[in-house]
């Protein structure tokens, strides 16, 4: 997925008419893939910590396995606090990676229609309008976006309108690349065409965007080129709000684990209002993770591979019937596995810790010593 977001270490080969790896180590150490990997792993840690915290809170509310629940709540609070802080830090690093290779995604996340004077402000609230191409009722914090996304006070964050103009230029060069590639296909010995292709090869994918509107990109009109350029803008209102929803849950998790850590430190594990909140919070990290993947994939549109392969050209060659069969089978299979998994988890929660663990707790209470997990 990191390569699809940032296709480094590969190049289009006009002889084989396909993308081929040119630097395997560049693919492995792709900075976008690195940032996404650690961000995703830390998000998984948060999700696990919330489950442990919520189940511990459930036991305490029911008055069951109290000693075990207090200890597991303490562990979850400490681990979850560290993990939730790392999610925010690594998420910031993932966002910084967008500055170089996915500027349109960053602009859409912030509903930034025009390039602002550096350092740009961070929009806390607003109502983005695709029709008006502006964000109404903006509430901004000055300088923050520029500092976060560029790590500087003098580098601008490019706006959507300016990036569309850049895309329009790249589409025009992509048409030249497409024309040169067609000449190479017709005559592999045409060195002039090969030379021309090499000068604009990185823009070929942008030329292919025109195939949504015309069979041969070389026949595209100026209006069709403008349409193709605007197709590089993802769903701005969706991106804007989903990002704030995800980030909001992230900061909520920091507050949740921070409160849990303080209560555990003060040995106030059985604070009722917090225990109820911890149980209700169990699904929130999972929802935030799904929101993150939505941002990653919707924000990449219209690309299946960023700047290389438009999504509509990455369609399967299978028939509609085959596709529906595959979708239905996978849905049934994973749906059944989900039901089994949730059932096993609920059974384990209901059963509680092992009998041996409870026996050790009872022995420790009898001897007046603290139990050891």
Protein backbone atom coordinates (compact mmCIF):
# COMPACT_ATOMS: atom_id res chain seq x y z
CA UNK A 1 0.00 0.00 0.00
CA UNK A 2 2.90 2.34 0.71
CA UNK A 3 4.15 1.75 -2.83
CA UNK A 4 0.70 2.47 -4.27
CA UNK A 5 0.74 5.77 -2.35
CA UNK A 6 4.35 6.57 -3.30
CA UNK A 7 5.63 4.37 -6.18
CA UNK A 8 9.38 4.69 -5.68
CA UNK A 9 12.00 2.29 -7.01
CA UNK A 10 10.05 1.50 -10.19
CA UNK A 11 9.74 2.83 -13.73
CA UNK A 12 7.55 2.25 -16.76
CA UNK A 13 9.30 0.11 -19.38
CA UNK A 14 8.16 1.05 -22.92
CA UNK A 15 9.38 -2.29 -24.27
CA UNK A 16 7.25 -4.43 -21.94
CA UNK A 17 4.54 -1.78 -21.43
CA UNK A 18 4.50 -2.25 -17.65
CA UNK A 19 5.89 -0.84 -14.41
CA UNK A 20 9.03 -2.69 -13.33
CA UNK A 21 11.12 -2.55 -10.17
CA UNK A 22 14.40 -0.69 -10.65
CA UNK A 23 15.49 -0.42 -7.01
CA UNK A 24 14.17 -3.08 -4.63
CA UNK A 25 15.72 -1.43 -1.56
CA UNK A 26 13.96 1.83 -2.39
CA UNK A 27 10.66 -0.09 -2.40
CA UNK A 28 11.46 -1.70 0.97
CA UNK A 29 12.58 1.54 2.60
CA UNK A 30 9.84 3.68 1.06
CA UNK A 31 9.38 6.54 3.58
CA UNK A 32 5.60 6.50 3.14
CA UNK A 33 5.46 2.75 3.78
CA UNK A 34 7.68 3.13 6.85
CA UNK A 35 5.50 5.88 8.30
CA UNK A 36 2.28 4.00 7.58
CA UNK A 37 3.62 0.77 9.07
CA UNK A 38 4.58 2.20 12.45
CA UNK A 39 1.44 4.35 12.59
CA UNK A 40 -0.77 1.33 11.87
CA UNK A 41 1.04 -0.88 14.40
CA UNK A 42 0.75 1.73 17.16
CA UNK A 43 -2.95 2.16 16.34
CA UNK A 44 -3.34 -1.59 16.79
CA UNK A 45 -1.68 -1.32 20.21
CA UNK A 46 -4.18 1.37 21.20
CA UNK A 47 -7.07 -0.79 20.03
CA UNK A 48 -5.80 -3.73 22.12
CA UNK A 49 -5.19 -1.54 25.17
CA UNK A 50 -8.74 -0.15 25.04
CA UNK A 51 -10.16 -3.68 24.87
CA UNK A 52 -8.15 -4.69 27.96
CA UNK A 53 -9.14 -1.48 29.76
CA UNK A 54 -12.81 -1.92 28.86
CA UNK A 55 -12.95 -5.57 29.94
CA UNK A 56 -11.19 -4.70 33.21
CA UNK A 57 -13.74 -1.95 33.78
CA UNK A 58 -16.55 -4.40 33.04
CA UNK A 59 -15.24 -6.82 35.68
CA UNK A 60 -14.97 -4.03 38.25
CA UNK A 61 -18.51 -2.84 37.53
CA UNK A 62 -19.75 -6.40 38.06
CA UNK A 63 -17.58 -6.92 41.13
CA UNK A 64 -15.87 -9.95 39.56
CA UNK A 65 -12.17 -10.85 39.46
CA UNK A 66 -11.43 -7.56 41.21
CA UNK A 67 -7.74 -8.10 41.90
CA UNK A 68 -7.06 -9.30 38.38
CA UNK A 69 -9.10 -6.44 36.89
CA UNK A 70 -7.25 -3.77 38.86
CA UNK A 71 -3.86 -5.03 37.74
CA UNK A 72 -4.86 -5.42 34.10
CA UNK A 73 -6.45 -1.96 34.18
CA UNK A 74 -3.16 -0.49 35.43
CA UNK A 75 -1.15 -2.22 32.71
CA UNK A 76 -3.65 -1.15 30.01
CA UNK A 77 -3.60 2.45 31.26
CA UNK A 78 0.20 2.74 31.12
CA UNK A 79 0.64 0.89 27.83
CA UNK A 80 -2.36 2.61 26.24
CA UNK A 81 -1.16 6.09 27.21
CA UNK A 82 2.24 5.50 25.61
CA UNK A 83 0.64 3.92 22.52
CA UNK A 84 -1.92 6.69 22.04
CA UNK A 85 0.80 9.34 22.29
CA UNK A 86 2.87 7.43 19.72
CA UNK A 87 -0.13 7.24 17.36
CA UNK A 88 -0.39 11.03 17.33
CA UNK A 89 3.37 11.52 16.84
CA UNK A 90 3.61 8.88 14.10
CA UNK A 91 0.42 10.16 12.49
CA UNK A 92 2.06 13.56 12.29
CA UNK A 93 5.05 11.91 10.61
CA UNK A 94 2.71 10.17 8.17
CA UNK A 95 1.14 13.54 7.37
CA UNK A 96 4.57 15.10 6.86
CA UNK A 97 5.27 12.43 4.22
CA UNK A 98 2.32 13.80 2.21
CA UNK A 99 4.13 17.11 1.72
CA UNK A 100 6.42 15.62 -0.92
CA UNK A 101 4.34 13.14 -2.90
CA UNK A 102 0.62 13.62 -2.10
CA UNK A 103 0.11 17.34 -1.87
CA UNK A 104 -3.47 17.12 -3.12
CA UNK A 105 -4.41 14.72 -0.32
CA UNK A 106 -2.97 17.12 2.26
CA UNK A 107 -4.81 20.08 0.74
CA UNK A 108 -8.07 18.09 0.73
CA UNK A 109 -7.62 17.02 4.37
CA UNK A 110 -7.40 20.68 5.33
CA UNK A 111 -9.91 21.94 2.72
CA UNK A 112 -7.21 24.42 1.67
CA UNK A 113 -8.43 25.80 -1.64
CA UNK A 114 -5.73 28.43 -2.10
CA UNK A 115 -2.07 28.60 -1.15
CA UNK A 116 -1.64 30.76 1.95
CA UNK A 117 1.31 32.79 3.07
CA UNK A 118 3.68 30.58 5.07
CA UNK A 119 3.26 29.28 7.68
CA UNK A 120 -0.32 28.23 6.91
CA UNK A 121 -3.00 28.06 9.59
CA UNK A 122 -4.77 24.88 10.72
CA UNK A 123 -8.55 24.82 10.17
CA UNK A 124 -10.30 23.46 13.27
CA UNK A 125 -13.80 23.89 11.86
CA UNK A 126 -15.34 24.81 8.54
CA UNK A 127 -17.88 23.83 5.91
CA UNK A 128 -16.05 22.93 2.68
CA UNK A 129 -18.06 23.51 -0.51
CA UNK A 130 -17.16 21.72 -3.74
CA UNK A 131 -19.54 23.99 -5.63
CA UNK A 132 -18.11 27.28 -4.34
CA UNK A 133 -14.57 25.88 -4.04
CA UNK A 134 -14.07 27.46 -0.66
CA UNK A 135 -14.57 26.64 3.02
CA UNK A 136 -17.29 28.61 4.79
CA UNK A 137 -17.22 29.61 8.48
CA UNK A 138 -13.56 28.70 8.96
CA UNK A 139 -12.11 28.66 12.46
CA UNK A 140 -8.31 28.61 12.18
CA UNK A 141 -5.30 28.36 14.44
CA UNK A 142 -2.54 30.49 12.85
CA UNK A 143 0.75 28.94 11.71
CA UNK A 144 0.07 25.41 13.00
CA UNK A 145 -0.47 23.62 9.66
CA UNK A 146 2.67 25.10 8.14
CA UNK A 147 4.77 24.09 11.14
CA UNK A 148 3.35 20.55 11.22
CA UNK A 149 3.32 19.77 7.51
CA UNK A 150 6.54 21.47 6.37
CA UNK A 151 8.58 21.61 9.61
CA UNK A 152 9.37 25.22 8.74
CA UNK A 153 8.02 28.76 8.93
CA UNK A 154 8.76 29.77 5.33
CA UNK A 155 7.57 26.85 3.17
CA UNK A 156 4.00 27.19 1.84
CA UNK A 157 1.35 24.46 1.83
CA UNK A 158 -0.03 24.45 -1.71
CA UNK A 159 -3.77 24.90 -2.17
CA UNK A 160 -6.17 22.85 -4.27
CA UNK A 161 -6.58 25.45 -7.03
CA UNK A 162 -2.83 25.75 -7.54
CA UNK A 163 -2.43 21.96 -7.52
CA UNK A 164 -5.16 21.61 -10.15
CA UNK A 165 -3.20 24.01 -12.37
CA UNK A 166 -0.10 21.85 -11.85
CA UNK A 167 -2.13 18.75 -12.75
CA UNK A 168 -3.34 20.45 -15.93
CA UNK A 169 0.26 21.07 -17.01
CA UNK A 170 1.20 17.48 -16.22
CA UNK A 171 -1.77 16.18 -18.21
CA UNK A 172 -0.60 18.14 -21.24
CA UNK A 173 2.87 16.65 -20.87
CA UNK A 174 1.24 13.26 -20.32
CA UNK A 175 -0.40 13.56 -23.74
CA UNK A 176 3.07 14.05 -25.23
CA UNK A 177 4.28 10.95 -23.34
CA UNK A 178 1.28 8.96 -24.60
CA UNK A 179 1.96 10.03 -28.18
CA UNK A 180 5.64 9.07 -27.91
CA UNK A 181 4.70 5.71 -26.38
CA UNK A 182 2.31 4.96 -29.23
CA UNK A 183 5.10 5.71 -31.70
CA UNK A 184 7.44 3.34 -29.84
CA UNK A 185 4.76 0.64 -29.93
CA UNK A 186 4.44 1.11 -33.69
CA UNK A 187 8.20 1.23 -34.28
CA UNK A 188 10.46 0.04 -31.41
CA UNK A 189 13.49 1.37 -33.31
CA UNK A 190 12.21 4.97 -33.31
CA UNK A 191 14.90 6.52 -31.12
CA UNK A 192 13.48 10.02 -31.44
CA UNK A 193 10.20 8.85 -29.93
CA UNK A 194 12.07 7.01 -27.17
CA UNK A 195 14.03 10.13 -26.35
CA UNK A 196 10.86 12.21 -26.26
CA UNK A 197 9.19 9.65 -23.98
CA UNK A 198 12.12 9.71 -21.54
CA UNK A 199 11.75 13.47 -21.06
CA UNK A 200 8.09 13.24 -20.01
CA UNK A 201 7.74 9.62 -18.81
CA UNK A 202 6.81 10.68 -15.26
CA UNK A 203 3.69 12.41 -16.61
CA UNK A 204 2.28 9.45 -18.57
CA UNK A 205 -0.19 8.58 -15.81
CA UNK A 206 -1.65 12.08 -15.93
CA UNK A 207 -2.19 11.73 -19.67
CA UNK A 208 -4.08 8.49 -19.02
CA UNK A 209 -6.60 10.41 -16.89
CA UNK A 210 -8.04 11.69 -20.18
CA UNK A 211 -9.19 8.19 -21.12
CA UNK A 212 -12.19 8.73 -18.87
CA UNK A 213 -13.37 11.40 -21.30
CA UNK A 214 -11.90 10.42 -24.67
CA UNK A 215 -10.61 7.19 -26.21
CA UNK A 216 -7.38 8.74 -27.49
CA UNK A 217 -5.85 11.33 -25.11
CA UNK A 218 -4.22 13.04 -28.08
CA UNK A 219 -7.69 14.06 -29.27
CA UNK A 220 -8.66 15.68 -25.95
CA UNK A 221 -10.07 19.20 -25.97
CA UNK A 222 -8.99 21.94 -23.52
CA UNK A 223 -12.26 21.47 -21.62
CA UNK A 224 -11.60 17.75 -21.25
CA UNK A 225 -8.10 18.49 -19.98
CA UNK A 226 -9.60 20.81 -17.35
CA UNK A 227 -12.09 18.10 -16.34
CA UNK A 228 -9.27 15.60 -16.00
CA UNK A 229 -7.28 18.07 -13.90
CA UNK A 230 -10.21 18.57 -11.52
CA UNK A 231 -10.65 14.81 -11.28
CA UNK A 232 -7.41 14.78 -9.28
CA UNK A 233 -9.29 16.45 -6.40
CA UNK A 234 -10.73 13.86 -3.97
CA UNK A 235 -13.97 14.35 -2.04
CA UNK A 236 -12.93 17.37 0.02
CA UNK A 237 -15.85 17.53 2.54
CA UNK A 238 -15.52 13.79 3.25
CA UNK A 239 -11.75 14.02 3.71
CA UNK A 240 -12.04 17.12 5.89
CA UNK A 241 -14.57 15.68 8.33
CA UNK A 242 -13.28 12.10 8.45
CA UNK A 243 -9.81 13.38 9.31
CA UNK A 244 -11.15 15.49 12.17
CA UNK A 245 -13.28 12.59 13.38
CA UNK A 246 -10.24 10.28 13.40
CA UNK A 247 -7.98 12.85 15.05
CA UNK A 248 -10.67 13.63 17.62
CA UNK A 249 -10.86 9.98 18.66
CA UNK A 250 -7.06 9.89 18.85
CA UNK A 251 -6.93 12.78 21.32
CA UNK A 252 -9.90 11.31 23.19
CA UNK A 253 -7.86 8.13 23.67
CA UNK A 254 -5.02 10.15 25.19
CA UNK A 255 -7.52 11.68 27.61
CA UNK A 256 -9.05 8.29 28.40
CA UNK A 257 -5.73 6.58 29.13
CA UNK A 258 -4.37 9.63 30.94
CA UNK A 259 -7.39 9.62 33.25
CA UNK A 260 -7.08 5.86 33.74
CA UNK A 261 -3.40 6.22 34.61
CA UNK A 262 -4.14 8.92 37.20
CA UNK A 263 -6.97 6.89 38.77
CA UNK A 264 -4.78 3.78 38.93
CA UNK A 265 -1.94 5.79 40.49
CA UNK A 266 -4.37 7.09 43.14
CA UNK A 267 -5.76 3.54 43.56
CA UNK A 268 -9.22 4.73 42.58
CA UNK A 269 -9.81 1.87 40.16
CA UNK A 270 -13.50 1.57 40.97
CA UNK A 271 -14.59 5.08 39.97
CA UNK A 272 -17.98 4.23 38.48
CA UNK A 273 -18.35 6.99 35.90
CA UNK A 274 -14.95 6.21 34.43
CA UNK A 275 -15.56 2.46 34.34
CA UNK A 276 -18.76 2.99 32.34
CA UNK A 277 -16.90 5.33 29.98
CA UNK A 278 -14.12 2.76 29.48
CA UNK A 279 -16.63 0.07 28.49
CA UNK A 280 -18.35 2.40 26.02
CA UNK A 281 -14.98 3.39 24.51
CA UNK A 282 -14.09 -0.16 23.39
CA UNK A 283 -15.16 0.27 19.71
CA UNK A 284 -13.71 3.77 19.25
CA UNK A 285 -10.12 2.87 18.24
CA UNK A 286 -11.40 0.37 15.67
CA UNK A 287 -13.66 3.07 14.21
CA UNK A 288 -10.70 5.48 14.09
CA UNK A 289 -8.56 2.87 12.30
CA UNK A 290 -11.26 2.38 9.66
CA UNK A 291 -11.50 6.16 9.26
CA UNK A 292 -7.74 6.25 8.72
CA UNK A 293 -7.91 3.70 5.93
CA UNK A 294 -10.79 5.64 4.39
CA UNK A 295 -8.58 8.73 4.34
CA UNK A 296 -5.67 6.81 2.84
CA UNK A 297 -7.70 5.31 0.00
CA UNK A 298 -10.25 8.06 -0.77
CA UNK A 299 -7.49 10.65 -0.54
CA UNK A 300 -5.46 8.81 -3.17
CA UNK A 301 -8.23 9.03 -5.77
CA UNK A 302 -8.33 9.14 -8.76
CA UNK A 303 -5.24 6.93 -8.56
CA UNK A 304 -4.86 3.20 -8.01
CA UNK A 305 -1.10 3.88 -8.06
CA UNK A 306 -0.34 7.52 -7.29
CA UNK A 307 0.51 9.42 -10.48
CA UNK A 308 0.88 6.20 -12.50
CA UNK A 309 -2.36 4.25 -12.90
CA UNK A 310 -5.83 5.83 -12.71
CA UNK A 311 -8.36 3.78 -10.73
CA UNK A 312 -10.78 3.43 -13.64
CA UNK A 313 -8.01 1.84 -15.74
CA UNK A 314 -7.16 -0.60 -12.96
CA UNK A 315 -10.46 -2.43 -13.37
CA UNK A 316 -10.53 -6.22 -13.33
CA UNK A 317 -10.80 -8.21 -16.55
CA UNK A 318 -13.21 -10.63 -14.84
CA UNK A 319 -16.89 -10.64 -15.73
CA UNK A 320 -19.47 -8.93 -13.53
CA UNK A 321 -20.82 -12.34 -12.49
CA UNK A 322 -17.36 -13.48 -11.39
CA UNK A 323 -16.80 -10.29 -9.43
CA UNK A 324 -20.14 -10.57 -7.62
CA UNK A 325 -19.44 -14.22 -6.83
CA UNK A 326 -16.06 -13.30 -5.35
CA UNK A 327 -17.49 -10.42 -3.31
CA UNK A 328 -20.37 -12.52 -1.94
CA UNK A 329 -18.09 -15.45 -1.06
CA UNK A 330 -15.54 -13.26 0.70
CA UNK A 331 -18.29 -11.40 2.56
CA UNK A 332 -19.87 -14.65 3.76
CA UNK A 333 -16.50 -16.16 4.70
CA UNK A 334 -15.20 -13.19 6.65
CA UNK A 335 -18.64 -12.49 8.10
CA UNK A 336 -18.74 -16.04 9.49
CA UNK A 337 -15.20 -15.70 10.85
CA UNK A 338 -16.15 -12.39 12.50
CA UNK A 339 -19.17 -13.99 14.19
CA UNK A 340 -17.02 -16.87 15.46
CA UNK A 341 -14.27 -14.53 16.65
CA UNK A 342 -16.62 -12.17 18.49
CA UNK A 343 -18.36 -15.17 20.04
CA UNK A 344 -15.05 -16.57 21.30
CA UNK A 345 -14.02 -13.18 22.70
CA UNK A 346 -17.33 -12.77 24.55
CA UNK A 347 -17.06 -16.31 25.90
CA UNK A 348 -13.54 -15.63 27.15
CA UNK A 349 -14.67 -12.39 28.80
CA UNK A 350 -17.59 -14.14 30.46
CA UNK A 351 -15.37 -16.97 31.70
CA UNK A 352 -12.82 -14.55 33.12
CA UNK A 353 -9.24 -15.34 34.13
CA UNK A 354 -8.13 -18.92 34.57
CA UNK A 355 -9.00 -20.81 37.72
CA UNK A 356 -5.30 -21.11 38.56
CA UNK A 357 -4.98 -17.34 38.53
CA UNK A 358 -7.95 -16.94 40.86
CA UNK A 359 -6.50 -19.58 43.18
CA UNK A 360 -3.24 -17.63 43.42
CA UNK A 361 -5.20 -14.46 44.20
CA UNK A 362 -7.12 -16.23 46.95
CA UNK A 363 -3.91 -17.62 48.45
CA UNK A 364 -2.34 -14.18 48.40
CA UNK A 365 -5.37 -12.61 50.09
CA UNK A 366 -5.32 -15.35 52.72
CA UNK A 367 -1.65 -14.75 53.46
CA UNK A 368 -2.13 -10.98 53.39
CA UNK A 369 0.28 -10.53 50.49
CA UNK A 370 -0.32 -8.85 47.13
CA UNK A 371 -1.16 -11.23 44.29
CA UNK A 372 1.32 -11.58 41.47
CA UNK A 373 -0.07 -11.68 37.92
